[in-house]
C-alpha cells in the first residue's frame, strides 16, 4: 500500500523536478523508491514549469526574430531543459521495437548505449515535426498552448505507468511502476484545472488525444515486452508532445 505524506509534498516536487529536467535541485537525501512514486503527482506541474519557460522565450523572441527563428530557439530550449533524456528514450525504443524479435532481444537493444540508424531517423523526424508544428503554434491565436503541451505529455507518462507493469526486473523506470489512484487523481486534477485556465474548453481535445494515445501505446508495449521501461516512457512523452501539437494546430 503506497502512502502519500502531504507534509513531504515539496520534497516530492523537487524529486520530480530533478528527474525530468536539468534545473539545479538540491535534495537533502537520496530519494526512496516510495518518494519517487509519490513524485509522479508533480510530473504535470514540472511540465507546466517547462511550458512557462518556453512561453517566456516566445514572448521575448517574437519581438526580435521571425517565427521561423523563434520556433527554432523554442525547440532548442525545449530539448535543453530536459537534457534530451526523452529523445534518447525515443531513439532506444524505436531501435528496440524495430530490431528485436522477442522481449529479451528488444530489451537488450534498448539497453545498448549506441543509437542505431532507425533510432537516429526517429530523432530527425521528431525534430522536424516539432519544428514545423511550432511554427504554426507561434503564429496562432492560442500560443499559450506552449505552456500546456509539456504538462499534458508528462501526464501521459503517468497513464503509461498506471496502465501496464514494468517490463524489466530492475532499471531506472521501476520506481514509477506503482503509481496508485491518489497520484493519478491529483495529477489529473492539475491537468484539468491548468487546461481550463489556459485554454478553456479547448483543452479537452489535446487531453483526449494524449490520453488515448498513451493508453494504446502502453497496451502495445505490454503485448510486445510485457510493459513499459524508462526508455518507453521517454518515447511516450515525446510522441505525446507531437500528438498534442498536431491537435492544437488542426483542431
Protein backbone atom coordinates (compact mmCIF):
# COMPACT_ATOMS: atom_id res chain seq x y z
CA UNK A 1 0.00 0.00 0.00
CA UNK A 2 1.54 3.28 -1.11
CA UNK A 3 1.32 6.22 1.27
CA UNK A 4 1.39 9.85 0.25
CA UNK A 5 2.64 12.16 3.01
CA UNK A 6 1.25 15.62 2.41
CA UNK A 7 3.94 17.22 4.59
CA UNK A 8 6.54 15.92 2.13
CA UNK A 9 4.86 17.37 -0.95
CA UNK A 10 7.58 19.93 -1.64
CA UNK A 11 10.21 17.22 -1.42
CA UNK A 12 8.22 15.11 -3.91
CA UNK A 13 8.05 18.12 -6.22
CA UNK A 14 11.83 18.61 -6.05
CA UNK A 15 12.38 14.94 -6.87
CA UNK A 16 10.12 15.24 -9.93
CA UNK A 17 11.97 18.40 -10.99
CA UNK A 18 15.31 16.61 -10.68
CA UNK A 19 14.11 13.58 -12.60
CA UNK A 20 12.56 15.41 -15.54
CA UNK A 21 14.74 18.50 -16.06
CA UNK A 22 18.29 19.78 -15.86
CA UNK A 23 17.23 22.57 -13.49
CA UNK A 24 19.50 22.64 -10.41
CA UNK A 25 17.84 20.85 -7.50
CA UNK A 26 19.40 20.12 -4.13
CA UNK A 27 17.87 17.24 -2.18
CA UNK A 28 18.61 16.65 1.48
CA UNK A 29 18.98 12.91 0.96
CA UNK A 30 18.71 10.27 -1.73
CA UNK A 31 15.03 9.67 -2.56
CA UNK A 32 13.46 6.37 -1.55
CA UNK A 33 11.51 4.34 -4.08
CA UNK A 34 8.25 5.41 -2.43
CA UNK A 35 9.27 9.07 -2.64
CA UNK A 36 9.86 8.67 -6.38
CA UNK A 37 6.44 7.06 -6.80
CA UNK A 38 4.83 9.96 -4.96
CA UNK A 39 6.81 12.46 -7.04
CA UNK A 40 4.80 11.37 -10.09
CA UNK A 41 1.97 13.53 -8.76
CA UNK A 42 4.07 16.53 -9.78
CA UNK A 43 5.11 15.35 -13.25
CA UNK A 44 2.44 17.55 -14.90
CA UNK A 45 3.46 20.51 -12.71
CA UNK A 46 7.10 20.10 -13.80
CA UNK A 47 5.83 20.02 -17.39
CA UNK A 48 3.95 23.24 -16.67
CA UNK A 49 7.16 24.89 -15.45
CA UNK A 50 8.89 23.82 -18.67
CA UNK A 51 5.95 25.22 -20.63
CA UNK A 52 6.10 28.56 -18.81
CA UNK A 53 9.80 28.88 -19.65
CA UNK A 54 9.06 28.11 -23.30
CA UNK A 55 6.25 30.67 -23.36
CA UNK A 56 8.53 33.31 -21.85
CA UNK A 57 11.03 32.55 -24.62
CA UNK A 58 8.25 33.03 -27.15
CA UNK A 59 7.19 36.39 -25.66
CA UNK A 60 10.76 37.69 -25.80
CA UNK A 61 11.97 36.23 -29.09
CA UNK A 62 8.93 37.15 -31.18
CA UNK A 63 9.90 40.80 -30.79
CA UNK A 64 13.30 40.30 -32.40
CA UNK A 65 13.13 37.33 -34.77
CA UNK A 66 10.94 35.79 -37.43
CA UNK A 67 8.59 32.99 -36.43
CA UNK A 68 10.99 30.51 -38.04
CA UNK A 69 13.90 31.56 -35.86
CA UNK A 70 11.65 31.91 -32.81
CA UNK A 71 10.43 28.34 -33.30
CA UNK A 72 13.99 27.05 -33.68
CA UNK A 73 15.07 28.70 -30.42
CA UNK A 74 12.00 27.42 -28.57
CA UNK A 75 12.65 23.88 -29.77
CA UNK A 76 16.31 24.15 -28.74
CA UNK A 77 15.27 25.33 -25.28
CA UNK A 78 12.70 22.55 -25.07
CA UNK A 79 15.36 19.91 -25.71
CA UNK A 80 17.92 21.58 -23.46
CA UNK A 81 15.61 21.86 -20.44
CA UNK A 82 15.05 18.10 -20.41
CA UNK A 83 18.67 17.20 -21.12
CA UNK A 84 17.46 15.35 -24.23
CA UNK A 85 16.53 12.49 -21.88
CA UNK A 86 13.19 11.76 -23.51
CA UNK A 87 14.59 11.98 -27.04
CA UNK A 88 17.20 9.41 -26.12
CA UNK A 89 14.42 7.18 -24.82
CA UNK A 90 12.55 7.55 -28.12
CA UNK A 91 15.63 6.51 -30.12
CA UNK A 92 16.26 3.48 -27.91
CA UNK A 93 12.60 2.46 -28.07
CA UNK A 94 12.47 2.64 -31.87
CA UNK A 95 15.75 0.72 -32.16
CA UNK A 96 14.47 -1.97 -29.83
CA UNK A 97 10.99 -2.39 -31.27
CA UNK A 98 12.22 -2.38 -34.86
CA UNK A 99 15.27 -4.59 -34.33
CA UNK A 100 14.29 -7.11 -31.67
CA UNK A 101 12.49 -10.37 -32.40
CA UNK A 102 11.31 -11.08 -28.85
CA UNK A 103 11.12 -9.42 -25.43
CA UNK A 104 14.65 -10.36 -24.40
CA UNK A 105 16.20 -9.06 -27.60
CA UNK A 106 14.11 -5.88 -27.65
CA UNK A 107 15.09 -5.01 -24.08
CA UNK A 108 18.75 -5.78 -24.79
CA UNK A 109 18.78 -3.42 -27.79
CA UNK A 110 17.09 -0.69 -25.75
CA UNK A 111 19.78 -1.03 -23.09
CA UNK A 112 22.59 -0.63 -25.64
CA UNK A 113 24.12 2.84 -25.31
CA UNK A 114 24.66 3.05 -29.06
CA UNK A 115 21.95 4.58 -31.22
CA UNK A 116 21.06 2.71 -34.40
CA UNK A 117 20.06 4.05 -37.80
CA UNK A 118 16.33 3.79 -37.11
CA UNK A 119 16.68 5.48 -33.74
CA UNK A 120 18.63 8.31 -35.36
CA UNK A 121 15.99 8.62 -38.08
CA UNK A 122 13.30 8.80 -35.39
CA UNK A 123 15.11 11.73 -33.75
CA UNK A 124 15.40 13.58 -37.07
CA UNK A 125 11.72 13.04 -37.87
CA UNK A 126 10.70 14.10 -34.36
CA UNK A 127 12.70 17.34 -34.50
CA UNK A 128 11.39 18.19 -37.97
CA UNK A 129 7.80 17.53 -36.90
CA UNK A 130 8.12 19.59 -33.74
CA UNK A 131 9.76 22.47 -35.56
CA UNK A 132 7.12 22.51 -38.30
CA UNK A 133 4.28 22.37 -35.79
CA UNK A 134 5.85 25.01 -33.56
CA UNK A 135 5.92 27.47 -36.47
CA UNK A 136 2.15 27.13 -36.62
CA UNK A 137 1.69 27.41 -32.85
CA UNK A 138 3.73 30.61 -32.50
CA UNK A 139 1.67 32.27 -35.26
CA UNK A 140 -1.68 31.01 -33.96
CA UNK A 141 -4.22 32.79 -31.79
CA UNK A 142 -3.51 30.43 -28.87
CA UNK A 143 0.29 30.43 -28.34
CA UNK A 144 -0.35 29.81 -24.63
CA UNK A 145 -0.78 26.16 -25.53
CA UNK A 146 3.03 26.07 -25.30
CA UNK A 147 2.52 26.03 -21.53
CA UNK A 148 0.01 23.18 -21.68
CA UNK A 149 1.69 20.68 -24.01
CA UNK A 150 4.69 19.75 -21.78
CA UNK A 151 2.29 19.42 -18.85
CA UNK A 152 -0.02 17.16 -20.82
CA UNK A 153 2.71 14.89 -22.17
CA UNK A 154 4.09 14.24 -18.69
CA UNK A 155 0.62 13.34 -17.55
CA UNK A 156 0.68 10.84 -20.41
CA UNK A 157 3.72 9.25 -18.77
CA UNK A 158 1.58 8.56 -15.72
CA UNK A 159 -1.09 6.96 -17.90
CA UNK A 160 1.61 4.59 -19.16
CA UNK A 161 2.92 3.81 -15.67
CA UNK A 162 -0.58 3.20 -14.36
CA UNK A 163 -1.86 1.12 -17.29
CA UNK A 164 0.84 -1.53 -17.60
CA UNK A 165 3.56 -3.07 -15.39
CA UNK A 166 7.29 -2.52 -15.54
CA UNK A 167 8.92 -4.77 -18.11
CA UNK A 168 12.35 -5.27 -16.53
CA UNK A 169 13.35 -6.82 -13.24
CA UNK A 170 15.47 -3.76 -12.44
CA UNK A 171 16.02 -0.38 -14.03
CA UNK A 172 15.53 3.37 -13.87
CA UNK A 173 11.81 3.20 -14.57
CA UNK A 174 10.98 0.63 -11.89
CA UNK A 175 10.40 3.34 -9.29
CA UNK A 176 7.45 4.58 -11.34
CA UNK A 177 5.79 1.20 -11.78
CA UNK A 178 3.35 1.57 -8.93
CA UNK A 179 1.56 4.91 -9.12
CA UNK A 180 -1.81 4.45 -7.44
CA UNK A 181 -5.17 6.14 -7.68
CA UNK A 182 -4.18 9.09 -5.43
CA UNK A 183 -1.26 10.01 -7.69
CA UNK A 184 -3.33 9.66 -10.85
CA UNK A 185 -6.29 11.62 -9.45
CA UNK A 186 -4.18 14.51 -8.16
CA UNK A 187 -2.14 14.72 -11.36
CA UNK A 188 -5.31 14.63 -13.47
CA UNK A 189 -6.84 17.45 -11.44
CA UNK A 190 -3.71 19.52 -12.08
CA UNK A 191 -4.02 18.82 -15.82
CA UNK A 192 -7.74 19.66 -15.98
CA UNK A 193 -7.56 22.86 -13.91
CA UNK A 194 -4.50 24.08 -15.82
CA UNK A 195 -6.19 23.30 -19.13
CA UNK A 196 -9.35 25.22 -18.23
CA UNK A 197 -7.27 28.19 -17.06
CA UNK A 198 -5.07 28.29 -20.17
CA UNK A 199 -7.39 27.18 -22.97
CA UNK A 200 -10.96 27.00 -21.77
CA UNK A 201 -12.99 24.13 -23.22
CA UNK A 202 -10.41 23.63 -25.99
CA UNK A 203 -8.14 21.80 -23.52
CA UNK A 204 -10.29 18.69 -23.92
CA UNK A 205 -9.16 17.98 -27.49
CA UNK A 206 -5.41 17.53 -26.81
CA UNK A 207 -6.15 15.88 -23.44
CA UNK A 208 -8.31 13.17 -25.04
CA UNK A 209 -5.77 12.72 -27.83
CA UNK A 210 -2.81 12.28 -25.49
CA UNK A 211 -4.75 10.05 -23.09
CA UNK A 212 -5.94 7.78 -25.91
CA UNK A 213 -2.51 7.53 -27.50
CA UNK A 214 -0.77 6.89 -24.17
CA UNK A 215 -3.16 4.08 -23.34
CA UNK A 216 -2.94 2.42 -26.76
CA UNK A 217 0.85 2.68 -26.93
CA UNK A 218 1.17 1.27 -23.41
CA UNK A 219 -1.06 -1.69 -24.24
CA UNK A 220 1.01 -2.30 -27.37
CA UNK A 221 4.17 -2.33 -25.24
CA UNK A 222 2.57 -4.79 -22.85
CA UNK A 223 1.95 -7.16 -25.73
CA UNK A 224 5.47 -6.73 -27.12
CA UNK A 225 7.66 -6.64 -23.99
CA UNK A 226 5.33 -7.08 -21.04
CA UNK A 227 5.05 -3.41 -20.08
CA UNK A 228 7.00 -0.17 -20.02
CA UNK A 229 10.63 0.79 -19.42
CA UNK A 230 12.33 4.09 -18.70
CA UNK A 231 13.08 4.40 -22.42
CA UNK A 232 9.48 3.85 -23.47
CA UNK A 233 8.31 6.49 -21.00
CA UNK A 234 10.64 8.96 -22.70
CA UNK A 235 9.27 7.89 -26.08
CA UNK A 236 5.73 8.25 -24.77
CA UNK A 237 6.47 11.79 -23.64
CA UNK A 238 7.97 12.83 -26.99
CA UNK A 239 5.19 11.27 -29.05
CA UNK A 240 2.59 12.74 -26.70
CA UNK A 241 4.01 16.21 -27.32
CA UNK A 242 3.76 15.70 -31.08
CA UNK A 243 0.16 14.46 -30.76
CA UNK A 244 -0.77 17.50 -28.67
CA UNK A 245 0.94 19.86 -31.13
CA UNK A 246 -0.87 18.26 -34.06
CA UNK A 247 -4.25 18.55 -32.39
CA UNK A 248 -3.60 22.14 -31.33
CA UNK A 249 -2.70 23.08 -34.91
CA UNK A 250 -5.55 21.35 -36.71
CA UNK A 251 -8.42 21.06 -34.24
